[in-house]
N, C-alpha and C. Protein backbone atom coordinates (compact mmCIF):
# COMPACT_ATOMS: atom_id res chain seq x y z
N MET A 1 -66.26 44.77 -14.58
CA MET A 1 -66.44 45.42 -13.29
C MET A 1 -66.83 44.40 -12.22
N GLU A 2 -67.65 43.41 -12.62
CA GLU A 2 -68.08 42.39 -11.66
C GLU A 2 -66.90 41.56 -11.17
N ASN A 3 -65.96 41.25 -12.08
CA ASN A 3 -64.77 40.50 -11.68
C ASN A 3 -63.95 41.26 -10.64
N LYS A 4 -63.87 42.57 -10.80
CA LYS A 4 -63.11 43.38 -9.85
C LYS A 4 -63.73 43.28 -8.46
N LYS A 5 -65.06 43.32 -8.37
CA LYS A 5 -65.73 43.20 -7.07
C LYS A 5 -65.52 41.82 -6.48
N ARG A 6 -65.56 40.79 -7.32
CA ARG A 6 -65.33 39.43 -6.82
C ARG A 6 -63.91 39.28 -6.30
N ILE A 7 -62.94 39.83 -7.03
CA ILE A 7 -61.54 39.76 -6.61
C ILE A 7 -61.35 40.49 -5.29
N GLU A 8 -61.94 41.66 -5.16
CA GLU A 8 -61.84 42.40 -3.90
C GLU A 8 -62.47 41.62 -2.76
N ALA A 9 -63.60 40.96 -3.00
CA ALA A 9 -64.25 40.17 -1.96
C ALA A 9 -63.37 38.99 -1.54
N ILE A 10 -62.77 38.32 -2.52
CA ILE A 10 -61.88 37.20 -2.23
C ILE A 10 -60.68 37.68 -1.41
N ARG A 11 -60.10 38.81 -1.82
CA ARG A 11 -58.97 39.37 -1.08
C ARG A 11 -59.37 39.67 0.37
N ASP A 12 -60.55 40.25 0.56
CA ASP A 12 -61.04 40.56 1.91
C ASP A 12 -61.22 39.28 2.74
N PHE A 13 -61.74 38.21 2.11
CA PHE A 13 -61.89 36.93 2.81
C PHE A 13 -60.53 36.39 3.26
N ILE A 14 -59.55 36.49 2.39
CA ILE A 14 -58.20 36.00 2.72
C ILE A 14 -57.61 36.81 3.87
N ILE A 15 -57.74 38.12 3.81
CA ILE A 15 -57.21 38.97 4.88
C ILE A 15 -57.89 38.63 6.20
N THR A 16 -59.20 38.45 6.18
CA THR A 16 -59.95 38.10 7.39
C THR A 16 -59.50 36.74 7.92
N ALA A 17 -59.32 35.77 7.03
CA ALA A 17 -58.87 34.44 7.45
C ALA A 17 -57.49 34.49 8.08
N GLU A 18 -56.57 35.25 7.47
CA GLU A 18 -55.22 35.37 8.02
C GLU A 18 -55.25 36.01 9.41
N LYS A 19 -56.09 37.03 9.59
CA LYS A 19 -56.22 37.67 10.90
C LYS A 19 -56.80 36.69 11.91
N SER A 20 -57.78 35.89 11.50
CA SER A 20 -58.39 34.91 12.40
C SER A 20 -57.37 33.87 12.85
N ILE A 21 -56.56 33.39 11.92
CA ILE A 21 -55.53 32.41 12.27
C ILE A 21 -54.52 33.03 13.23
N LYS A 22 -54.11 34.24 12.96
CA LYS A 22 -53.15 34.94 13.83
C LYS A 22 -53.73 35.10 15.23
N ASN A 23 -54.99 35.50 15.32
CA ASN A 23 -55.64 35.67 16.63
C ASN A 23 -55.79 34.33 17.34
N ALA A 24 -56.14 33.27 16.61
CA ALA A 24 -56.30 31.96 17.22
C ALA A 24 -54.96 31.47 17.79
N LYS A 25 -53.87 31.69 17.05
CA LYS A 25 -52.55 31.30 17.54
C LYS A 25 -52.19 32.07 18.81
N LYS A 26 -52.50 33.36 18.84
CA LYS A 26 -52.21 34.17 20.02
C LYS A 26 -53.03 33.69 21.21
N LEU A 27 -54.32 33.42 21.00
CA LEU A 27 -55.17 32.92 22.08
C LEU A 27 -54.67 31.59 22.60
N LEU A 28 -54.30 30.69 21.71
CA LEU A 28 -53.77 29.39 22.13
C LEU A 28 -52.51 29.57 22.96
N LYS A 29 -51.62 30.43 22.51
CA LYS A 29 -50.39 30.69 23.25
C LYS A 29 -50.70 31.23 24.64
N ASP A 30 -51.64 32.18 24.73
CA ASP A 30 -52.02 32.76 26.02
C ASP A 30 -52.60 31.70 26.96
N VAL A 31 -53.48 30.85 26.44
CA VAL A 31 -54.11 29.81 27.27
C VAL A 31 -53.05 28.82 27.75
N LEU A 32 -52.14 28.44 26.87
CA LEU A 32 -51.07 27.52 27.27
C LEU A 32 -50.21 28.13 28.36
N GLU A 33 -49.85 29.40 28.20
CA GLU A 33 -49.02 30.07 29.21
C GLU A 33 -49.75 30.19 30.54
N GLU A 34 -51.05 30.53 30.51
CA GLU A 34 -51.85 30.65 31.73
C GLU A 34 -51.91 29.34 32.50
N ASN A 35 -51.90 28.23 31.78
CA ASN A 35 -52.01 26.91 32.40
C ASN A 35 -50.67 26.21 32.53
N ASN A 36 -49.59 26.96 32.38
CA ASN A 36 -48.24 26.41 32.46
C ASN A 36 -48.08 25.17 31.59
N MET A 37 -48.63 25.25 30.40
CA MET A 37 -48.54 24.14 29.46
C MET A 37 -47.63 24.55 28.32
N ASN A 38 -47.08 23.55 27.68
CA ASN A 38 -46.22 23.80 26.54
C ASN A 38 -46.64 22.87 25.42
N LEU A 39 -47.01 23.43 24.31
CA LEU A 39 -47.37 22.64 23.14
C LEU A 39 -46.17 22.63 22.21
N ASP A 40 -45.07 22.15 22.74
CA ASP A 40 -43.81 22.12 21.99
C ASP A 40 -43.94 21.16 20.82
N THR A 41 -43.76 21.69 19.62
CA THR A 41 -43.91 20.86 18.44
C THR A 41 -42.57 20.32 17.93
N ASP A 42 -41.51 20.48 18.72
CA ASP A 42 -40.24 19.93 18.28
C ASP A 42 -40.36 18.42 18.17
N VAL A 43 -39.82 17.90 17.12
CA VAL A 43 -39.85 16.48 16.86
C VAL A 43 -38.56 15.88 17.39
N ASN A 44 -38.64 14.74 18.04
CA ASN A 44 -37.44 14.06 18.52
C ASN A 44 -36.93 13.14 17.42
N PHE A 45 -35.81 13.48 16.84
CA PHE A 45 -35.26 12.72 15.73
C PHE A 45 -34.34 11.62 16.24
N ASP A 46 -34.52 10.44 15.70
CA ASP A 46 -33.75 9.26 16.07
C ASP A 46 -32.54 9.15 15.16
N THR A 47 -31.36 9.12 15.74
CA THR A 47 -30.13 9.00 14.95
C THR A 47 -29.55 7.58 15.02
N THR A 48 -30.34 6.64 15.54
CA THR A 48 -29.88 5.26 15.62
C THR A 48 -29.55 4.73 14.23
N GLY A 49 -28.44 4.05 14.13
CA GLY A 49 -28.04 3.46 12.86
C GLY A 49 -27.22 4.38 11.98
N LEU A 50 -27.06 5.63 12.39
CA LEU A 50 -26.24 6.55 11.61
C LEU A 50 -24.78 6.36 11.99
N ASN A 51 -23.88 6.64 11.05
CA ASN A 51 -22.46 6.41 11.27
C ASN A 51 -21.63 7.64 10.95
N SER A 52 -20.42 7.63 11.45
CA SER A 52 -19.42 8.63 11.13
C SER A 52 -18.10 7.88 10.95
N TYR A 53 -17.43 8.12 9.82
CA TYR A 53 -16.20 7.39 9.57
C TYR A 53 -15.32 8.17 8.60
N ASN A 54 -14.07 7.73 8.46
CA ASN A 54 -13.14 8.35 7.53
C ASN A 54 -12.93 7.42 6.34
N SER A 55 -12.76 8.03 5.17
CA SER A 55 -12.49 7.28 3.95
C SER A 55 -11.42 8.04 3.18
N GLN A 56 -10.25 7.50 3.10
CA GLN A 56 -9.09 8.15 2.49
C GLN A 56 -8.88 9.50 3.17
N GLU A 57 -8.97 10.61 2.42
CA GLU A 57 -8.75 11.93 3.01
C GLU A 57 -10.04 12.62 3.40
N SER A 58 -11.16 11.92 3.33
CA SER A 58 -12.45 12.53 3.60
C SER A 58 -13.05 12.00 4.89
N LYS A 59 -13.85 12.85 5.52
CA LYS A 59 -14.63 12.44 6.68
C LYS A 59 -16.07 12.31 6.20
N ILE A 60 -16.73 11.22 6.53
CA ILE A 60 -18.10 10.98 6.11
C ILE A 60 -18.97 10.87 7.35
N VAL A 61 -20.04 11.65 7.35
CA VAL A 61 -20.96 11.67 8.49
C VAL A 61 -22.37 11.47 7.96
N GLU A 62 -23.15 10.63 8.62
CA GLU A 62 -24.54 10.42 8.25
C GLU A 62 -25.42 11.20 9.19
N TRP A 63 -26.52 11.71 8.65
CA TRP A 63 -27.38 12.63 9.38
C TRP A 63 -28.84 12.32 9.14
N VAL A 64 -29.69 12.92 9.98
CA VAL A 64 -31.12 12.93 9.73
C VAL A 64 -31.51 14.39 9.52
N TYR A 65 -32.36 14.63 8.52
CA TYR A 65 -32.76 15.99 8.17
C TYR A 65 -33.91 16.44 9.08
N THR A 66 -33.76 17.62 9.67
CA THR A 66 -34.76 18.12 10.62
C THR A 66 -35.70 19.15 10.00
N GLY A 67 -35.41 19.60 8.81
CA GLY A 67 -36.21 20.65 8.18
C GLY A 67 -35.41 21.93 8.04
N ASP A 68 -34.64 22.25 9.05
CA ASP A 68 -33.78 23.43 9.00
C ASP A 68 -32.33 23.03 8.82
N ASP A 69 -31.97 21.87 9.32
CA ASP A 69 -30.58 21.47 9.32
C ASP A 69 -30.47 19.96 9.41
N MET A 70 -29.25 19.47 9.69
CA MET A 70 -29.01 18.04 9.84
C MET A 70 -28.63 17.77 11.29
N LEU A 71 -29.10 16.66 11.82
CA LEU A 71 -28.74 16.23 13.16
C LEU A 71 -27.87 14.99 13.01
N GLY A 72 -26.65 15.10 13.52
CA GLY A 72 -25.70 14.01 13.38
C GLY A 72 -25.76 13.04 14.53
N VAL A 73 -25.07 11.93 14.35
CA VAL A 73 -25.01 10.90 15.39
C VAL A 73 -24.36 11.46 16.66
N ASP A 74 -23.56 12.53 16.52
CA ASP A 74 -22.91 13.15 17.67
C ASP A 74 -23.84 14.13 18.41
N GLY A 75 -25.07 14.30 17.91
CA GLY A 75 -26.02 15.20 18.55
C GLY A 75 -25.91 16.64 18.09
N ASN A 76 -24.91 16.94 17.28
CA ASN A 76 -24.73 18.30 16.77
C ASN A 76 -25.59 18.55 15.54
N LYS A 77 -26.01 19.80 15.39
CA LYS A 77 -26.77 20.19 14.21
C LYS A 77 -25.87 20.97 13.27
N TYR A 78 -26.04 20.71 12.00
CA TYR A 78 -25.24 21.36 10.97
C TYR A 78 -26.16 21.85 9.86
N PRO A 79 -25.81 22.98 9.24
CA PRO A 79 -26.68 23.53 8.20
C PRO A 79 -26.64 22.70 6.92
N VAL A 80 -27.75 22.73 6.21
CA VAL A 80 -27.84 22.13 4.88
C VAL A 80 -28.10 23.29 3.92
N PRO A 81 -27.41 23.37 2.80
CA PRO A 81 -27.69 24.46 1.85
C PRO A 81 -29.18 24.44 1.45
N VAL A 82 -29.84 25.58 1.60
CA VAL A 82 -31.28 25.63 1.36
C VAL A 82 -31.63 25.34 -0.10
N ASN A 83 -30.74 25.69 -1.03
CA ASN A 83 -31.04 25.37 -2.43
C ASN A 83 -31.05 23.86 -2.65
N TYR A 84 -30.16 23.12 -1.96
CA TYR A 84 -30.14 21.66 -2.06
C TYR A 84 -31.41 21.08 -1.43
N SER A 85 -31.76 21.57 -0.24
CA SER A 85 -32.95 21.07 0.45
C SER A 85 -34.21 21.29 -0.35
N SER A 86 -34.37 22.49 -0.90
CA SER A 86 -35.61 22.80 -1.61
C SER A 86 -35.70 22.09 -2.96
N LYS A 87 -34.62 22.06 -3.71
CA LYS A 87 -34.66 21.41 -5.01
C LYS A 87 -34.73 19.89 -4.89
N SER A 88 -34.17 19.33 -3.82
CA SER A 88 -34.24 17.89 -3.60
C SER A 88 -35.55 17.48 -2.94
N LYS A 89 -36.34 18.48 -2.54
CA LYS A 89 -37.63 18.24 -1.87
C LYS A 89 -37.46 17.33 -0.65
N MET A 90 -36.45 17.67 0.15
CA MET A 90 -36.18 16.89 1.35
C MET A 90 -37.22 17.17 2.42
N VAL A 91 -37.56 16.13 3.17
CA VAL A 91 -38.50 16.27 4.27
C VAL A 91 -37.86 15.76 5.55
N GLN A 92 -38.46 16.15 6.66
CA GLN A 92 -37.95 15.70 7.95
C GLN A 92 -37.86 14.17 7.95
N TRP A 93 -36.84 13.65 8.58
CA TRP A 93 -36.56 12.23 8.75
C TRP A 93 -35.78 11.63 7.60
N ASP A 94 -35.57 12.38 6.49
CA ASP A 94 -34.71 11.85 5.43
C ASP A 94 -33.30 11.67 5.99
N LYS A 95 -32.62 10.65 5.52
CA LYS A 95 -31.24 10.41 5.95
C LYS A 95 -30.31 10.94 4.86
N LEU A 96 -29.24 11.59 5.31
CA LEU A 96 -28.26 12.18 4.40
C LEU A 96 -26.86 11.71 4.76
N LYS A 97 -25.98 11.89 3.79
CA LYS A 97 -24.57 11.63 4.02
C LYS A 97 -23.82 12.89 3.62
N LEU A 98 -22.95 13.34 4.49
CA LEU A 98 -22.11 14.50 4.22
C LEU A 98 -20.68 14.02 4.12
N THR A 99 -20.04 14.30 2.99
CA THR A 99 -18.63 13.99 2.81
C THR A 99 -17.86 15.30 2.89
N ILE A 100 -16.96 15.36 3.85
CA ILE A 100 -16.10 16.54 4.01
C ILE A 100 -14.72 16.15 3.49
N GLU A 101 -14.39 16.69 2.33
CA GLU A 101 -13.12 16.34 1.70
C GLU A 101 -11.97 17.03 2.41
N GLY A 102 -10.77 16.55 2.19
CA GLY A 102 -9.58 17.13 2.79
C GLY A 102 -9.42 18.61 2.48
N SER A 103 -9.91 19.04 1.33
CA SER A 103 -9.82 20.44 0.93
C SER A 103 -10.86 21.31 1.65
N GLY A 104 -11.80 20.66 2.36
CA GLY A 104 -12.85 21.40 3.06
C GLY A 104 -14.16 21.44 2.28
N ARG A 105 -14.12 20.97 1.05
CA ARG A 105 -15.34 20.93 0.23
C ARG A 105 -16.34 19.96 0.85
N MET A 106 -17.62 20.36 0.86
CA MET A 106 -18.67 19.53 1.45
C MET A 106 -19.62 19.04 0.37
N LEU A 107 -19.85 17.73 0.35
CA LEU A 107 -20.75 17.12 -0.61
C LEU A 107 -21.90 16.46 0.15
N TYR A 108 -23.12 16.83 -0.21
CA TYR A 108 -24.32 16.31 0.44
C TYR A 108 -24.98 15.29 -0.47
N LYS A 109 -25.50 14.22 0.12
CA LYS A 109 -26.20 13.22 -0.66
C LYS A 109 -27.33 12.64 0.19
N GLN A 110 -28.50 12.59 -0.40
CA GLN A 110 -29.65 11.97 0.25
C GLN A 110 -29.49 10.46 0.08
N ILE A 111 -29.42 9.72 1.21
CA ILE A 111 -29.16 8.29 1.10
C ILE A 111 -30.38 7.42 1.42
N LEU A 112 -31.32 7.94 2.19
CA LEU A 112 -32.48 7.13 2.55
C LEU A 112 -33.69 8.04 2.77
N PRO A 113 -34.45 8.30 1.70
CA PRO A 113 -35.64 9.12 1.89
C PRO A 113 -36.69 8.36 2.71
N ILE A 114 -37.41 9.08 3.54
CA ILE A 114 -38.49 8.50 4.34
C ILE A 114 -39.72 8.33 3.44
N ALA A 115 -40.62 7.45 3.83
CA ALA A 115 -41.89 7.33 3.09
C ALA A 115 -42.60 8.67 3.16
N ARG A 116 -43.24 9.04 2.07
CA ARG A 116 -43.83 10.38 1.96
C ARG A 116 -45.32 10.31 1.66
N GLU A 117 -45.98 11.43 1.98
CA GLU A 117 -47.36 11.63 1.54
C GLU A 117 -47.48 13.08 1.10
N THR A 118 -48.42 13.31 0.21
CA THR A 118 -48.63 14.64 -0.35
C THR A 118 -49.92 15.22 0.18
N LYS A 119 -49.88 16.51 0.51
CA LYS A 119 -51.05 17.23 1.00
C LYS A 119 -51.19 18.53 0.21
N VAL A 120 -52.41 19.04 0.15
CA VAL A 120 -52.68 20.33 -0.48
C VAL A 120 -52.95 21.34 0.62
N GLY A 121 -52.33 22.50 0.51
CA GLY A 121 -52.52 23.52 1.54
C GLY A 121 -52.41 24.93 0.98
N LEU A 122 -52.55 25.88 1.89
CA LEU A 122 -52.52 27.30 1.57
C LEU A 122 -51.22 27.91 2.08
N LEU A 123 -50.51 28.63 1.21
CA LEU A 123 -49.26 29.27 1.59
C LEU A 123 -49.55 30.55 2.36
N THR A 124 -48.95 30.67 3.55
CA THR A 124 -49.11 31.86 4.38
C THR A 124 -47.72 32.34 4.82
N LYS A 125 -47.70 33.44 5.54
CA LYS A 125 -46.44 33.95 6.08
C LYS A 125 -46.71 34.51 7.46
N GLU A 126 -45.91 34.08 8.43
CA GLU A 126 -46.05 34.53 9.82
C GLU A 126 -44.67 34.94 10.31
N LYS A 127 -44.51 36.22 10.64
CA LYS A 127 -43.24 36.74 11.16
C LYS A 127 -42.05 36.34 10.27
N GLU A 128 -42.12 36.69 9.00
CA GLU A 128 -41.04 36.45 8.04
C GLU A 128 -40.78 34.97 7.77
N LYS A 129 -41.65 34.09 8.24
CA LYS A 129 -41.49 32.66 8.01
C LYS A 129 -42.65 32.16 7.16
N TYR A 130 -42.32 31.52 6.05
CA TYR A 130 -43.37 30.96 5.19
C TYR A 130 -43.88 29.66 5.82
N GLN A 131 -45.19 29.47 5.70
CA GLN A 131 -45.82 28.27 6.23
C GLN A 131 -46.93 27.83 5.28
N VAL A 132 -47.27 26.56 5.37
CA VAL A 132 -48.39 26.02 4.61
C VAL A 132 -49.35 25.39 5.61
N ILE A 133 -50.62 25.76 5.49
CA ILE A 133 -51.66 25.18 6.33
C ILE A 133 -52.35 24.11 5.49
N ALA A 134 -52.23 22.85 5.94
CA ALA A 134 -52.81 21.72 5.22
C ALA A 134 -53.43 20.76 6.22
N GLU A 135 -54.67 20.42 6.00
CA GLU A 135 -55.38 19.47 6.86
C GLU A 135 -55.27 19.86 8.33
N TRP A 136 -55.54 21.12 8.62
CA TRP A 136 -55.60 21.68 9.98
C TRP A 136 -54.25 21.67 10.68
N LYS A 137 -53.16 21.54 9.96
CA LYS A 137 -51.83 21.57 10.55
C LYS A 137 -51.00 22.60 9.80
N THR A 138 -50.12 23.28 10.54
CA THR A 138 -49.24 24.28 9.94
C THR A 138 -47.83 23.70 9.83
N TYR A 139 -47.27 23.80 8.63
CA TYR A 139 -45.93 23.31 8.36
C TYR A 139 -45.05 24.49 7.93
N ASP A 140 -43.84 24.56 8.45
CA ASP A 140 -42.87 25.52 7.96
C ASP A 140 -42.35 25.04 6.61
N VAL A 141 -42.05 25.98 5.73
CA VAL A 141 -41.45 25.66 4.43
C VAL A 141 -40.29 26.61 4.19
N LEU A 142 -39.36 26.20 3.36
CA LEU A 142 -38.18 27.01 3.08
C LEU A 142 -38.51 28.18 2.17
N THR A 143 -37.96 29.34 2.51
CA THR A 143 -38.11 30.52 1.66
C THR A 143 -37.53 30.23 0.28
N ALA A 144 -36.43 29.49 0.22
CA ALA A 144 -35.82 29.14 -1.06
C ALA A 144 -36.79 28.37 -1.95
N ALA A 145 -37.61 27.52 -1.36
CA ALA A 145 -38.59 26.75 -2.15
C ALA A 145 -39.70 27.68 -2.66
N VAL A 146 -40.14 28.60 -1.80
CA VAL A 146 -41.17 29.56 -2.20
C VAL A 146 -40.66 30.37 -3.39
N THR A 147 -39.42 30.82 -3.31
CA THR A 147 -38.80 31.60 -4.39
C THR A 147 -38.63 30.74 -5.65
N HIS A 148 -38.14 29.52 -5.46
CA HIS A 148 -37.90 28.62 -6.59
C HIS A 148 -39.18 28.37 -7.39
N PHE A 149 -40.29 28.17 -6.69
CA PHE A 149 -41.57 27.89 -7.36
C PHE A 149 -42.35 29.16 -7.70
N LYS A 150 -41.77 30.32 -7.37
CA LYS A 150 -42.43 31.61 -7.61
C LYS A 150 -43.83 31.64 -6.98
N ALA A 151 -43.94 31.06 -5.79
CA ALA A 151 -45.22 31.01 -5.08
C ALA A 151 -45.48 32.34 -4.39
N GLU A 152 -46.75 32.62 -4.17
CA GLU A 152 -47.17 33.84 -3.49
C GLU A 152 -48.09 33.48 -2.34
N ILE A 153 -48.11 34.33 -1.33
CA ILE A 153 -49.01 34.13 -0.20
C ILE A 153 -50.43 34.02 -0.74
N GLY A 154 -51.15 33.00 -0.26
CA GLY A 154 -52.51 32.76 -0.71
C GLY A 154 -52.60 31.71 -1.80
N ASP A 155 -51.44 31.29 -2.35
CA ASP A 155 -51.45 30.23 -3.36
C ASP A 155 -51.77 28.88 -2.72
N ASN A 156 -52.46 28.04 -3.46
CA ASN A 156 -52.62 26.65 -3.07
C ASN A 156 -51.40 25.90 -3.58
N VAL A 157 -50.79 25.12 -2.70
CA VAL A 157 -49.58 24.37 -3.05
C VAL A 157 -49.74 22.93 -2.60
N THR A 158 -48.99 22.05 -3.26
CA THR A 158 -48.89 20.68 -2.75
C THR A 158 -47.57 20.61 -1.98
N VAL A 159 -47.62 19.94 -0.84
CA VAL A 159 -46.42 19.78 -0.02
C VAL A 159 -46.21 18.29 0.24
N ILE A 160 -44.96 17.96 0.51
CA ILE A 160 -44.58 16.59 0.84
C ILE A 160 -44.21 16.56 2.31
N VAL A 161 -44.77 15.60 3.04
CA VAL A 161 -44.47 15.41 4.46
C VAL A 161 -44.16 13.94 4.69
N PRO A 162 -43.48 13.61 5.79
CA PRO A 162 -43.21 12.21 6.07
C PRO A 162 -44.52 11.47 6.39
N ALA A 163 -44.69 10.30 5.81
CA ALA A 163 -45.90 9.51 6.04
C ALA A 163 -45.84 8.85 7.41
N GLY A 164 -46.88 9.05 8.20
CA GLY A 164 -46.98 8.37 9.49
C GLY A 164 -46.08 8.90 10.58
N LYS A 165 -45.46 10.03 10.38
CA LYS A 165 -44.58 10.62 11.40
C LYS A 165 -45.03 12.05 11.67
N GLU A 166 -44.82 12.50 12.89
CA GLU A 166 -45.11 13.88 13.26
C GLU A 166 -44.09 14.78 12.58
N ALA A 167 -44.56 15.87 12.00
CA ALA A 167 -43.66 16.77 11.29
C ALA A 167 -44.07 18.22 11.52
N THR A 168 -43.08 19.10 11.52
CA THR A 168 -43.32 20.54 11.65
C THR A 168 -42.89 21.26 10.38
N PHE A 169 -42.34 20.51 9.44
CA PHE A 169 -41.75 21.06 8.23
C PHE A 169 -42.26 20.27 7.03
N ALA A 170 -42.47 20.95 5.91
CA ALA A 170 -42.89 20.30 4.67
C ALA A 170 -42.05 20.83 3.52
N ALA A 171 -41.95 20.04 2.47
CA ALA A 171 -41.26 20.45 1.25
C ALA A 171 -42.32 20.81 0.21
N ILE A 172 -42.18 21.95 -0.42
CA ILE A 172 -43.11 22.33 -1.47
C ILE A 172 -42.84 21.46 -2.70
N ASP A 173 -43.91 20.86 -3.22
CA ASP A 173 -43.81 20.01 -4.40
C ASP A 173 -44.22 20.78 -5.66
N SER A 174 -45.29 21.57 -5.55
CA SER A 174 -45.74 22.35 -6.70
C SER A 174 -46.72 23.43 -6.26
N VAL A 175 -46.89 24.40 -7.14
CA VAL A 175 -47.91 25.44 -6.94
C VAL A 175 -49.07 25.09 -7.86
N LEU A 176 -50.26 25.01 -7.31
CA LEU A 176 -51.42 24.67 -8.11
C LEU A 176 -51.88 25.87 -8.93
N PRO A 177 -52.33 25.61 -10.14
CA PRO A 177 -52.79 26.73 -10.98
C PRO A 177 -53.97 27.43 -10.32
N LYS A 178 -54.02 28.74 -10.51
CA LYS A 178 -55.14 29.51 -9.98
C LYS A 178 -56.34 29.29 -10.88
N SER A 179 -57.51 29.10 -10.24
CA SER A 179 -58.70 28.86 -11.06
C SER A 179 -59.59 30.08 -11.08
C-alpha cells in the first residue's frame, strides 16, 4: 500500500512539473512577443564543402542533417527516412550523401559524423512532439526513435547532441532503467 502512495506522489510531481514547464514556455513566449523579441532557435547550417555531381546513371548530392531533414548545397531541404535517422542516431550537423539512381531509388549514407556528446534528460511531449529536457535545454527527438526504444513520457533517456555546436534536435541513444 505504501508503494502505491509513493507512486501516486511521484506521478503528481511529474504532472506538476510538466504543467510548470508548459506555463513557463507560455510566459516566455508572451514576454518575447510583448517586447517584439524573437528567440528563434533555428540553427544556421553551413553547407560549405558539400558537393553535387553525377556518377554513371546516378546523381549524388551531399547534405547536412538538420534534425528533420537534409539541407543541400543548393539550399533545398529534402526528407530523410525517419527509421534511418533514428537507427543511425544521426544528429544535427552530420554530413550525408544521397545517391539517386537512374531507377529513382534513393540510397542514404552518413559520410561525416560530427563530434558528439551524450546528455541525460527527461522525455516529455509538447503538442504531439516528443522532446527531451537535458541540462536546462529542450531538444526535439524523432517519434520513430521513441517508438524504437519503447520509451515513455517521464523516462530518463540518454541523448546524443553535437559537441560544441548549438542544437535544437537530439538523437535518443538509450532509455535508462527505472529505479
